[in-house]
């Protein structure tokens, strides 16, 4: 089992760090490909993990911002996820399904909905005719954010309890795997 600190060694081959992915035919076929747009399959998989993995340092950014940053700064290919969406879609879907626990699916749903709400309010012009309804709606959004905060607190307590022994999929390392075994 890998610790979080071992999961994102982006200068290494994705397939060397995550050899289990090639057990699935979808990834196995992609591993053998030269890549898309001149970018290797390994680099593309790293980009997918940096955007969609819950343990990614970028996960708390809005999804569109994560994609933009990883496309520009990591891949050096603007609109890569859009341009190669047909090829990437199945990989992304499987990647996300592999890593998600039920709590993670719930957090993702909250993040997506909050992002949608923020985008809607970002383009809504406030004037005298709609200020009361928007203010009321924003109070309801605040209740949604409170619920998300509770979910994140629960996940935080788990991380605090298990620390670096928390692994992808929601499990924990054994005492020996986590380096906490004391022979004395």
N, C-alpha and C. Protein backbone atom coordinates (compact mmCIF):
# COMPACT_ATOMS: atom_id res chain seq x y z
N UNK A 1 0.83 -1.18 0.00
CA UNK A 1 0.00 0.00 0.00
C UNK A 1 0.88 1.25 0.00
N UNK A 2 0.45 2.24 -0.73
CA UNK A 2 1.23 3.46 -0.86
C UNK A 2 0.67 4.57 0.03
N UNK A 3 1.57 5.32 0.63
CA UNK A 3 1.19 6.50 1.39
C UNK A 3 0.93 7.62 0.41
N UNK A 4 0.20 8.64 0.84
CA UNK A 4 -0.10 9.78 -0.03
C UNK A 4 1.18 10.38 -0.60
N UNK A 5 2.20 10.48 0.20
CA UNK A 5 3.45 11.09 -0.26
C UNK A 5 4.09 10.32 -1.41
N UNK A 6 3.70 9.07 -1.57
CA UNK A 6 4.25 8.24 -2.64
C UNK A 6 3.37 8.23 -3.89
N UNK A 7 2.17 8.77 -3.81
CA UNK A 7 1.20 8.64 -4.89
C UNK A 7 1.42 9.60 -6.05
N UNK A 8 2.03 10.73 -5.83
CA UNK A 8 2.11 11.77 -6.86
C UNK A 8 3.55 12.10 -7.24
N UNK A 9 4.32 11.10 -7.56
CA UNK A 9 5.69 11.30 -8.02
C UNK A 9 5.65 11.50 -9.53
N UNK A 10 5.22 12.70 -9.93
CA UNK A 10 4.89 12.97 -11.32
C UNK A 10 6.07 12.94 -12.28
N UNK A 11 7.28 12.94 -11.78
CA UNK A 11 8.45 12.84 -12.67
C UNK A 11 8.78 11.39 -12.97
N UNK A 12 8.14 10.47 -12.27
CA UNK A 12 8.31 9.03 -12.53
C UNK A 12 7.22 8.57 -13.47
N UNK A 13 7.36 7.36 -13.98
CA UNK A 13 6.31 6.79 -14.82
C UNK A 13 5.08 6.49 -13.97
N UNK A 14 3.92 6.96 -14.42
CA UNK A 14 2.68 6.68 -13.71
C UNK A 14 2.51 5.17 -13.52
N UNK A 15 2.87 4.42 -14.54
CA UNK A 15 2.66 2.97 -14.53
C UNK A 15 3.59 2.28 -13.53
N UNK A 16 4.76 2.85 -13.26
CA UNK A 16 5.66 2.29 -12.26
C UNK A 16 5.15 2.56 -10.85
N UNK A 17 4.59 3.73 -10.65
CA UNK A 17 4.07 4.11 -9.33
C UNK A 17 2.74 3.41 -9.06
N UNK A 18 1.93 3.21 -10.10
CA UNK A 18 0.60 2.60 -9.97
C UNK A 18 0.46 1.39 -10.91
N UNK A 19 1.23 0.34 -10.69
CA UNK A 19 1.21 -0.80 -11.62
C UNK A 19 -0.13 -1.52 -11.67
N UNK A 20 -0.92 -1.43 -10.64
CA UNK A 20 -2.20 -2.12 -10.60
C UNK A 20 -3.19 -1.64 -11.66
N UNK A 21 -3.02 -0.42 -12.14
CA UNK A 21 -3.94 0.10 -13.14
C UNK A 21 -3.94 -0.71 -14.42
N UNK A 22 -2.81 -1.30 -14.76
CA UNK A 22 -2.74 -2.05 -16.01
C UNK A 22 -3.45 -3.40 -15.92
N UNK A 23 -3.99 -3.73 -14.76
CA UNK A 23 -4.80 -4.94 -14.65
C UNK A 23 -6.13 -4.76 -15.39
N UNK A 24 -6.53 -3.52 -15.60
CA UNK A 24 -7.77 -3.23 -16.32
C UNK A 24 -7.44 -2.94 -17.78
N UNK A 25 -8.19 -3.58 -18.67
CA UNK A 25 -7.88 -3.48 -20.10
C UNK A 25 -7.88 -2.04 -20.61
N UNK A 26 -8.78 -1.21 -20.09
CA UNK A 26 -8.85 0.19 -20.53
C UNK A 26 -7.50 0.88 -20.34
N UNK A 27 -6.91 0.71 -19.16
CA UNK A 27 -5.63 1.35 -18.86
C UNK A 27 -4.48 0.62 -19.56
N UNK A 28 -4.57 -0.69 -19.64
CA UNK A 28 -3.53 -1.47 -20.29
C UNK A 28 -3.37 -1.03 -21.74
N UNK A 29 -4.49 -0.84 -22.45
CA UNK A 29 -4.42 -0.38 -23.84
C UNK A 29 -3.83 1.02 -23.91
N UNK A 30 -4.19 1.87 -22.97
CA UNK A 30 -3.71 3.24 -22.98
C UNK A 30 -2.22 3.29 -22.66
N UNK A 31 -1.78 2.37 -21.80
CA UNK A 31 -0.36 2.33 -21.45
C UNK A 31 0.50 2.09 -22.69
N UNK A 32 -0.01 1.25 -23.58
CA UNK A 32 0.75 0.91 -24.77
C UNK A 32 0.71 1.98 -25.85
N UNK A 33 -0.14 2.97 -25.69
CA UNK A 33 -0.27 4.03 -26.69
C UNK A 33 0.88 5.02 -26.58
N UNK A 34 1.13 5.66 -27.68
CA UNK A 34 2.15 6.71 -27.69
C UNK A 34 1.68 7.94 -26.93
N UNK A 35 0.36 8.04 -26.74
CA UNK A 35 -0.20 9.20 -26.06
C UNK A 35 -1.11 9.97 -26.99
N UNK A 36 -1.48 11.15 -26.56
CA UNK A 36 -2.36 12.02 -27.33
C UNK A 36 -1.70 13.38 -27.49
N UNK A 37 -1.78 13.93 -28.68
CA UNK A 37 -1.22 15.26 -28.91
C UNK A 37 0.25 15.35 -28.58
N UNK A 38 0.97 14.24 -28.75
CA UNK A 38 2.41 14.24 -28.46
C UNK A 38 2.75 14.10 -26.99
N UNK A 39 1.74 13.85 -26.14
CA UNK A 39 1.96 13.70 -24.70
C UNK A 39 1.84 12.22 -24.36
N UNK A 40 2.78 11.71 -23.60
CA UNK A 40 2.81 10.28 -23.29
C UNK A 40 1.61 9.86 -22.44
N UNK A 41 1.28 8.58 -22.52
CA UNK A 41 0.19 8.02 -21.72
C UNK A 41 0.44 8.20 -20.23
N UNK A 42 1.70 8.06 -19.80
CA UNK A 42 2.04 8.24 -18.39
C UNK A 42 1.76 9.68 -17.95
N UNK A 43 2.19 10.64 -18.73
CA UNK A 43 1.98 12.05 -18.38
C UNK A 43 0.49 12.38 -18.35
N UNK A 44 -0.26 11.82 -19.29
CA UNK A 44 -1.71 12.04 -19.32
C UNK A 44 -2.37 11.45 -18.08
N UNK A 45 -1.92 10.27 -17.67
CA UNK A 45 -2.49 9.67 -16.46
C UNK A 45 -2.15 10.50 -15.23
N UNK A 46 -0.95 11.05 -15.19
CA UNK A 46 -0.62 11.96 -14.09
C UNK A 46 -1.55 13.16 -14.10
N UNK A 47 -1.81 13.71 -15.28
CA UNK A 47 -2.71 14.87 -15.38
C UNK A 47 -4.10 14.50 -14.86
N UNK A 48 -4.59 13.33 -15.25
CA UNK A 48 -5.89 12.87 -14.77
C UNK A 48 -5.88 12.75 -13.25
N UNK A 49 -4.83 12.19 -12.70
CA UNK A 49 -4.77 12.03 -11.24
C UNK A 49 -4.66 13.38 -10.53
N UNK A 50 -3.91 14.32 -11.10
CA UNK A 50 -3.79 15.64 -10.48
C UNK A 50 -5.11 16.40 -10.49
N UNK A 51 -5.93 16.16 -11.50
CA UNK A 51 -7.22 16.84 -11.59
C UNK A 51 -8.29 16.12 -10.79
N UNK A 52 -8.34 14.80 -10.85
CA UNK A 52 -9.49 14.06 -10.33
C UNK A 52 -9.25 13.28 -9.04
N UNK A 53 -8.03 13.16 -8.59
CA UNK A 53 -7.78 12.38 -7.37
C UNK A 53 -8.08 13.23 -6.14
N UNK A 54 -8.81 12.65 -5.21
CA UNK A 54 -9.19 13.36 -3.98
C UNK A 54 -7.98 13.76 -3.16
N UNK A 55 -6.89 13.06 -3.30
CA UNK A 55 -5.71 13.38 -2.51
C UNK A 55 -4.76 14.33 -3.24
N UNK A 56 -5.13 14.74 -4.43
CA UNK A 56 -4.31 15.69 -5.18
C UNK A 56 -4.26 17.02 -4.42
N UNK A 57 -3.12 17.66 -4.50
CA UNK A 57 -2.98 18.97 -3.86
C UNK A 57 -3.88 20.02 -4.49
N UNK A 58 -4.43 19.72 -5.67
CA UNK A 58 -5.27 20.67 -6.40
C UNK A 58 -6.76 20.41 -6.22
N UNK A 59 -7.13 19.38 -5.47
CA UNK A 59 -8.52 18.96 -5.42
C UNK A 59 -9.48 20.03 -4.90
N UNK A 60 -9.04 20.90 -4.05
CA UNK A 60 -9.94 21.91 -3.48
C UNK A 60 -10.25 23.06 -4.43
N UNK A 61 -9.54 23.11 -5.55
CA UNK A 61 -9.85 24.13 -6.56
C UNK A 61 -11.11 23.70 -7.31
N UNK A 62 -11.82 24.65 -7.87
CA UNK A 62 -12.97 24.31 -8.72
C UNK A 62 -12.46 23.47 -9.89
N UNK A 63 -13.28 22.55 -10.36
CA UNK A 63 -12.86 21.61 -11.39
C UNK A 63 -12.35 22.32 -12.64
N UNK A 64 -13.02 23.36 -13.07
CA UNK A 64 -12.56 24.04 -14.29
C UNK A 64 -11.20 24.70 -14.07
N UNK A 65 -10.94 25.18 -12.84
CA UNK A 65 -9.64 25.77 -12.54
C UNK A 65 -8.55 24.71 -12.46
N UNK A 66 -8.90 23.56 -11.85
CA UNK A 66 -7.93 22.46 -11.80
C UNK A 66 -7.52 22.04 -13.21
N UNK A 67 -8.52 21.85 -14.06
CA UNK A 67 -8.23 21.42 -15.43
C UNK A 67 -7.35 22.45 -16.13
N UNK A 68 -7.72 23.71 -16.02
CA UNK A 68 -6.96 24.78 -16.69
C UNK A 68 -5.51 24.81 -16.21
N UNK A 69 -5.31 24.74 -14.91
CA UNK A 69 -3.96 24.82 -14.35
C UNK A 69 -3.13 23.61 -14.79
N UNK A 70 -3.69 22.44 -14.72
CA UNK A 70 -2.94 21.23 -15.10
C UNK A 70 -2.67 21.22 -16.60
N UNK A 71 -3.64 21.65 -17.40
CA UNK A 71 -3.41 21.73 -18.85
C UNK A 71 -2.25 22.68 -19.16
N UNK A 72 -2.30 23.86 -18.58
CA UNK A 72 -1.30 24.89 -18.91
C UNK A 72 0.06 24.59 -18.28
N UNK A 73 0.06 24.33 -16.97
CA UNK A 73 1.33 24.23 -16.25
C UNK A 73 1.96 22.85 -16.29
N UNK A 74 1.18 21.82 -16.31
CA UNK A 74 1.73 20.46 -16.27
C UNK A 74 1.86 19.86 -17.66
N UNK A 75 0.81 19.97 -18.47
CA UNK A 75 0.84 19.38 -19.80
C UNK A 75 1.38 20.34 -20.86
N UNK A 76 1.22 21.64 -20.61
CA UNK A 76 1.63 22.62 -21.62
C UNK A 76 0.75 22.53 -22.86
N UNK A 77 -0.51 22.21 -22.66
CA UNK A 77 -1.44 22.01 -23.79
C UNK A 77 -2.81 22.54 -23.42
N UNK A 78 -3.07 23.79 -23.78
CA UNK A 78 -4.35 24.42 -23.49
C UNK A 78 -5.49 23.63 -24.16
N UNK A 79 -6.60 23.47 -23.45
CA UNK A 79 -7.80 22.77 -23.92
C UNK A 79 -7.59 21.28 -24.17
N UNK A 80 -6.57 20.70 -23.58
CA UNK A 80 -6.26 19.29 -23.80
C UNK A 80 -7.43 18.37 -23.43
N UNK A 81 -8.03 18.60 -22.26
CA UNK A 81 -9.14 17.75 -21.81
C UNK A 81 -10.35 17.88 -22.74
N UNK A 82 -10.56 19.07 -23.27
CA UNK A 82 -11.65 19.27 -24.21
C UNK A 82 -11.33 18.66 -25.58
N UNK A 83 -10.15 18.93 -26.07
CA UNK A 83 -9.75 18.44 -27.40
C UNK A 83 -9.71 16.91 -27.48
N UNK A 84 -9.35 16.26 -26.39
CA UNK A 84 -9.23 14.80 -26.39
C UNK A 84 -10.26 14.15 -25.47
N UNK A 85 -11.38 14.84 -25.28
CA UNK A 85 -12.42 14.37 -24.37
C UNK A 85 -12.93 12.97 -24.68
N UNK A 86 -13.08 12.61 -25.95
CA UNK A 86 -13.58 11.28 -26.31
C UNK A 86 -12.62 10.19 -25.85
N UNK A 87 -11.32 10.45 -25.96
CA UNK A 87 -10.32 9.48 -25.51
C UNK A 87 -10.17 9.46 -23.99
N UNK A 88 -10.24 10.64 -23.38
CA UNK A 88 -10.00 10.76 -21.94
C UNK A 88 -11.21 10.37 -21.10
N UNK A 89 -12.42 10.58 -21.63
CA UNK A 89 -13.64 10.35 -20.86
C UNK A 89 -13.70 8.99 -20.16
N UNK A 90 -13.50 7.89 -20.88
CA UNK A 90 -13.54 6.58 -20.22
C UNK A 90 -12.45 6.40 -19.17
N UNK A 91 -11.26 6.94 -19.44
CA UNK A 91 -10.17 6.84 -18.47
C UNK A 91 -10.50 7.60 -17.19
N UNK A 92 -11.03 8.81 -17.36
CA UNK A 92 -11.38 9.63 -16.21
C UNK A 92 -12.48 8.96 -15.40
N UNK A 93 -13.50 8.48 -16.08
CA UNK A 93 -14.61 7.83 -15.39
C UNK A 93 -14.13 6.63 -14.57
N UNK A 94 -13.31 5.79 -15.17
CA UNK A 94 -12.80 4.62 -14.46
C UNK A 94 -11.88 5.03 -13.31
N UNK A 95 -11.01 6.01 -13.54
CA UNK A 95 -10.10 6.49 -12.50
C UNK A 95 -10.89 6.96 -11.28
N UNK A 96 -11.90 7.76 -11.53
CA UNK A 96 -12.72 8.30 -10.45
C UNK A 96 -13.44 7.17 -9.72
N UNK A 97 -13.99 6.23 -10.46
CA UNK A 97 -14.71 5.12 -9.82
C UNK A 97 -13.80 4.25 -8.98
N UNK A 98 -12.57 4.06 -9.40
CA UNK A 98 -11.62 3.22 -8.66
C UNK A 98 -11.32 3.81 -7.28
N UNK A 99 -11.17 5.09 -7.19
CA UNK A 99 -10.69 5.70 -5.94
C UNK A 99 -11.79 6.09 -4.97
N UNK A 100 -13.02 6.14 -5.40
CA UNK A 100 -14.08 6.72 -4.57
C UNK A 100 -14.65 5.77 -3.53
N UNK A 101 -14.67 6.26 -2.30
CA UNK A 101 -15.48 5.64 -1.27
C UNK A 101 -16.83 6.35 -1.31
N UNK A 102 -17.80 5.89 -0.56
CA UNK A 102 -19.10 6.56 -0.57
C UNK A 102 -18.97 7.99 -0.06
N UNK A 103 -18.15 8.22 0.95
CA UNK A 103 -17.95 9.58 1.45
C UNK A 103 -17.31 10.47 0.39
N UNK A 104 -16.36 9.92 -0.36
CA UNK A 104 -15.71 10.70 -1.41
C UNK A 104 -16.69 11.06 -2.52
N UNK A 105 -17.59 10.13 -2.86
CA UNK A 105 -18.60 10.44 -3.87
C UNK A 105 -19.49 11.58 -3.38
N UNK A 106 -19.82 11.56 -2.11
CA UNK A 106 -20.66 12.58 -1.52
C UNK A 106 -19.96 13.95 -1.54
N UNK A 107 -18.68 13.98 -1.18
CA UNK A 107 -17.92 15.22 -1.20
C UNK A 107 -17.84 15.76 -2.63
N UNK A 108 -17.59 14.88 -3.59
CA UNK A 108 -17.51 15.32 -4.99
C UNK A 108 -18.84 15.93 -5.43
N UNK A 109 -19.95 15.31 -5.05
CA UNK A 109 -21.25 15.84 -5.41
C UNK A 109 -21.42 17.24 -4.83
N UNK A 110 -21.08 17.43 -3.55
CA UNK A 110 -21.19 18.74 -2.92
C UNK A 110 -20.29 19.75 -3.61
N UNK A 111 -19.05 19.37 -3.89
CA UNK A 111 -18.13 20.29 -4.57
C UNK A 111 -18.69 20.72 -5.92
N UNK A 112 -19.19 19.77 -6.69
CA UNK A 112 -19.74 20.09 -8.01
C UNK A 112 -20.94 21.01 -7.92
N UNK A 113 -21.84 20.73 -6.98
CA UNK A 113 -23.05 21.55 -6.85
C UNK A 113 -22.70 22.96 -6.36
N UNK A 114 -21.80 23.05 -5.41
CA UNK A 114 -21.39 24.38 -4.93
C UNK A 114 -20.73 25.16 -6.07
N UNK A 115 -19.89 24.49 -6.85
CA UNK A 115 -19.26 25.16 -8.00
C UNK A 115 -20.30 25.64 -9.00
N UNK A 116 -21.32 24.83 -9.27
CA UNK A 116 -22.39 25.23 -10.18
C UNK A 116 -23.13 26.46 -9.66
N UNK A 117 -23.41 26.45 -8.36
CA UNK A 117 -24.12 27.58 -7.75
C UNK A 117 -23.27 28.85 -7.83
N UNK A 118 -22.00 28.73 -7.51
CA UNK A 118 -21.10 29.88 -7.55
C UNK A 118 -21.03 30.44 -8.98
N UNK A 119 -20.92 29.56 -9.97
CA UNK A 119 -20.88 30.02 -11.36
C UNK A 119 -22.17 30.74 -11.74
N UNK A 120 -23.31 30.23 -11.27
CA UNK A 120 -24.59 30.86 -11.58
C UNK A 120 -24.66 32.26 -10.97
N UNK A 121 -24.27 32.39 -9.70
CA UNK A 121 -24.30 33.70 -9.06
C UNK A 121 -23.26 34.65 -9.64
N UNK A 122 -22.19 34.08 -10.13
CA UNK A 122 -21.13 34.90 -10.71
C UNK A 122 -21.61 35.67 -11.94
N UNK A 123 -22.52 35.09 -12.69
CA UNK A 123 -23.01 35.74 -13.91
C UNK A 123 -24.36 36.43 -13.72
N UNK A 124 -24.96 36.30 -12.53
CA UNK A 124 -26.26 36.90 -12.27
C UNK A 124 -26.08 38.35 -11.81
N UNK A 125 -26.71 39.23 -12.52
CA UNK A 125 -26.67 40.65 -12.16
C UNK A 125 -27.70 40.89 -11.06
N UNK A 126 -27.29 41.52 -10.00
CA UNK A 126 -28.19 41.83 -8.90
C UNK A 126 -28.73 43.25 -9.10
N UNK A 127 -30.05 43.35 -8.97
CA UNK A 127 -30.68 44.66 -9.04
C UNK A 127 -31.83 44.68 -8.03
N UNK A 128 -32.57 45.79 -7.99
CA UNK A 128 -33.64 45.94 -7.01
C UNK A 128 -34.74 44.90 -7.16
N UNK A 129 -34.95 44.41 -8.35
CA UNK A 129 -36.04 43.46 -8.56
C UNK A 129 -35.70 42.04 -8.08
N UNK A 130 -34.41 41.69 -7.98
CA UNK A 130 -34.09 40.32 -7.60
C UNK A 130 -33.25 40.19 -6.33
N UNK A 131 -32.91 41.31 -5.71
CA UNK A 131 -32.00 41.24 -4.56
C UNK A 131 -32.58 40.42 -3.40
N UNK A 132 -33.87 40.51 -3.16
CA UNK A 132 -34.46 39.76 -2.05
C UNK A 132 -34.43 38.26 -2.32
N UNK A 133 -34.79 37.86 -3.52
CA UNK A 133 -34.80 36.42 -3.82
C UNK A 133 -33.37 35.86 -3.85
N UNK A 134 -32.44 36.63 -4.37
CA UNK A 134 -31.06 36.15 -4.40
C UNK A 134 -30.49 36.05 -2.99
N UNK A 135 -30.79 37.03 -2.15
CA UNK A 135 -30.33 36.99 -0.77
C UNK A 135 -30.90 35.76 -0.05
N UNK A 136 -32.17 35.47 -0.27
CA UNK A 136 -32.80 34.30 0.33
C UNK A 136 -32.13 33.02 -0.18
N UNK A 137 -31.90 32.95 -1.49
CA UNK A 137 -31.26 31.78 -2.08
C UNK A 137 -29.84 31.60 -1.54
N UNK A 138 -29.14 32.70 -1.36
CA UNK A 138 -27.77 32.60 -0.85
C UNK A 138 -27.76 32.09 0.58
N UNK A 139 -28.79 32.38 1.34
CA UNK A 139 -28.92 31.81 2.69
C UNK A 139 -29.07 30.30 2.62
N UNK A 140 -29.80 29.83 1.60
CA UNK A 140 -29.94 28.38 1.41
C UNK A 140 -28.61 27.76 0.98
N UNK A 141 -27.86 28.50 0.18
CA UNK A 141 -26.53 28.02 -0.22
C UNK A 141 -25.64 27.91 1.01
N UNK A 142 -25.79 28.84 1.93
CA UNK A 142 -25.01 28.79 3.17
C UNK A 142 -25.30 27.49 3.92
N UNK A 143 -26.57 27.06 3.92
CA UNK A 143 -26.92 25.79 4.57
C UNK A 143 -26.23 24.62 3.85
N UNK A 144 -26.15 24.69 2.52
CA UNK A 144 -25.43 23.64 1.78
C UNK A 144 -23.96 23.62 2.17
N UNK A 145 -23.36 24.79 2.30
CA UNK A 145 -21.96 24.87 2.68
C UNK A 145 -21.74 24.34 4.09
N UNK A 146 -22.69 24.56 4.99
CA UNK A 146 -22.60 24.01 6.33
C UNK A 146 -22.58 22.49 6.29
N UNK A 147 -23.43 21.91 5.42
CA UNK A 147 -23.45 20.46 5.27
C UNK A 147 -22.12 19.94 4.72
N UNK A 148 -21.59 20.64 3.74
CA UNK A 148 -20.30 20.24 3.18
C UNK A 148 -19.22 20.31 4.25
N UNK A 149 -19.28 21.36 5.06
CA UNK A 149 -18.30 21.51 6.15
C UNK A 149 -18.35 20.32 7.10
N UNK A 150 -19.55 19.84 7.40
CA UNK A 150 -19.70 18.67 8.28
C UNK A 150 -19.06 17.43 7.65
N UNK A 151 -19.28 17.27 6.36
CA UNK A 151 -18.70 16.13 5.65
C UNK A 151 -17.18 16.22 5.69
N UNK A 152 -16.65 17.39 5.38
CA UNK A 152 -15.21 17.58 5.37
C UNK A 152 -14.61 17.39 6.77
N UNK A 153 -15.32 17.81 7.78
CA UNK A 153 -14.85 17.63 9.15
C UNK A 153 -14.77 16.14 9.48
N UNK A 154 -15.77 15.39 9.04
CA UNK A 154 -15.77 13.94 9.28
C UNK A 154 -14.56 13.30 8.59
N UNK A 155 -14.31 13.68 7.34
CA UNK A 155 -13.15 13.15 6.63
C UNK A 155 -11.85 13.60 7.31
N UNK A 156 -11.83 14.84 7.79
CA UNK A 156 -10.65 15.36 8.49
C UNK A 156 -10.36 14.58 9.76
N UNK A 157 -11.42 14.21 10.48
CA UNK A 157 -11.23 13.41 11.70
C UNK A 157 -10.62 12.06 11.36
N UNK A 158 -11.06 11.47 10.26
CA UNK A 158 -10.48 10.19 9.83
C UNK A 158 -9.01 10.37 9.50
N UNK A 159 -8.69 11.44 8.79
CA UNK A 159 -7.29 11.68 8.42
C UNK A 159 -6.46 11.92 9.67
N UNK A 160 -7.04 12.69 10.61
CA UNK A 160 -6.33 12.97 11.86
C UNK A 160 -6.10 11.68 12.64
N UNK A 161 -7.09 10.82 12.66
CA UNK A 161 -7.00 9.56 13.39
C UNK A 161 -5.97 8.63 12.78
N UNK A 162 -5.96 8.55 11.43
CA UNK A 162 -5.09 7.60 10.76
C UNK A 162 -3.84 8.23 10.18
N UNK A 163 -3.81 9.56 10.06
CA UNK A 163 -2.65 10.27 9.54
C UNK A 163 -2.19 9.74 8.20
N UNK A 164 -0.89 9.55 8.05
CA UNK A 164 -0.33 9.05 6.80
C UNK A 164 -0.65 7.58 6.58
N UNK A 165 -1.30 6.95 7.53
CA UNK A 165 -1.68 5.56 7.33
C UNK A 165 -2.95 5.43 6.51
N UNK A 166 -3.60 6.56 6.23
CA UNK A 166 -4.79 6.52 5.37
C UNK A 166 -4.34 6.23 3.95
N UNK A 167 -5.05 5.33 3.28
CA UNK A 167 -4.69 4.97 1.93
C UNK A 167 -5.85 5.20 1.00
N UNK A 168 -5.56 5.22 -0.31
CA UNK A 168 -6.60 5.40 -1.30
C UNK A 168 -7.62 4.29 -1.15
N UNK A 169 -8.90 4.63 -1.26
CA UNK A 169 -9.96 3.65 -1.11
C UNK A 169 -10.54 3.66 0.29
N UNK A 170 -9.97 4.46 1.18
CA UNK A 170 -10.54 4.61 2.51
C UNK A 170 -10.00 3.64 3.54
N UNK A 171 -9.09 2.75 3.15
CA UNK A 171 -8.53 1.79 4.11
C UNK A 171 -7.42 2.42 4.92
N UNK A 172 -6.81 1.60 5.76
CA UNK A 172 -5.66 2.06 6.51
C UNK A 172 -4.57 1.01 6.42
N UNK A 173 -3.35 1.45 6.56
CA UNK A 173 -2.24 0.53 6.58
C UNK A 173 -2.20 -0.21 7.90
N UNK A 174 -1.67 -1.42 7.88
CA UNK A 174 -1.46 -2.15 9.13
C UNK A 174 -0.39 -1.41 9.92
N UNK A 175 -0.23 -1.77 11.18
CA UNK A 175 0.81 -1.14 12.00
C UNK A 175 2.19 -1.34 11.38
N UNK A 176 2.42 -2.53 10.86
CA UNK A 176 3.72 -2.82 10.25
C UNK A 176 3.91 -2.01 8.98
N UNK A 177 2.89 -1.98 8.09
CA UNK A 177 2.98 -1.21 6.84
C UNK A 177 3.14 0.27 7.11
N UNK A 178 2.49 0.75 8.17
CA UNK A 178 2.56 2.16 8.51
C UNK A 178 3.81 2.54 9.29
N UNK A 179 4.66 1.56 9.57
CA UNK A 179 5.91 1.83 10.29
C UNK A 179 5.68 2.12 11.76
N UNK A 180 4.57 1.64 12.32
CA UNK A 180 4.27 1.92 13.72
C UNK A 180 4.39 0.66 14.56
N UNK A 181 5.03 -0.35 14.04
CA UNK A 181 5.19 -1.60 14.78
C UNK A 181 6.42 -1.50 15.66
N UNK A 182 6.24 -1.73 16.93
CA UNK A 182 7.34 -1.63 17.89
C UNK A 182 7.58 -3.02 18.43
N UNK A 183 8.78 -3.56 18.20
CA UNK A 183 9.08 -4.92 18.61
C UNK A 183 9.37 -5.02 20.10
N UNK A 184 9.52 -3.93 20.81
CA UNK A 184 9.88 -4.01 22.23
C UNK A 184 8.71 -4.40 23.10
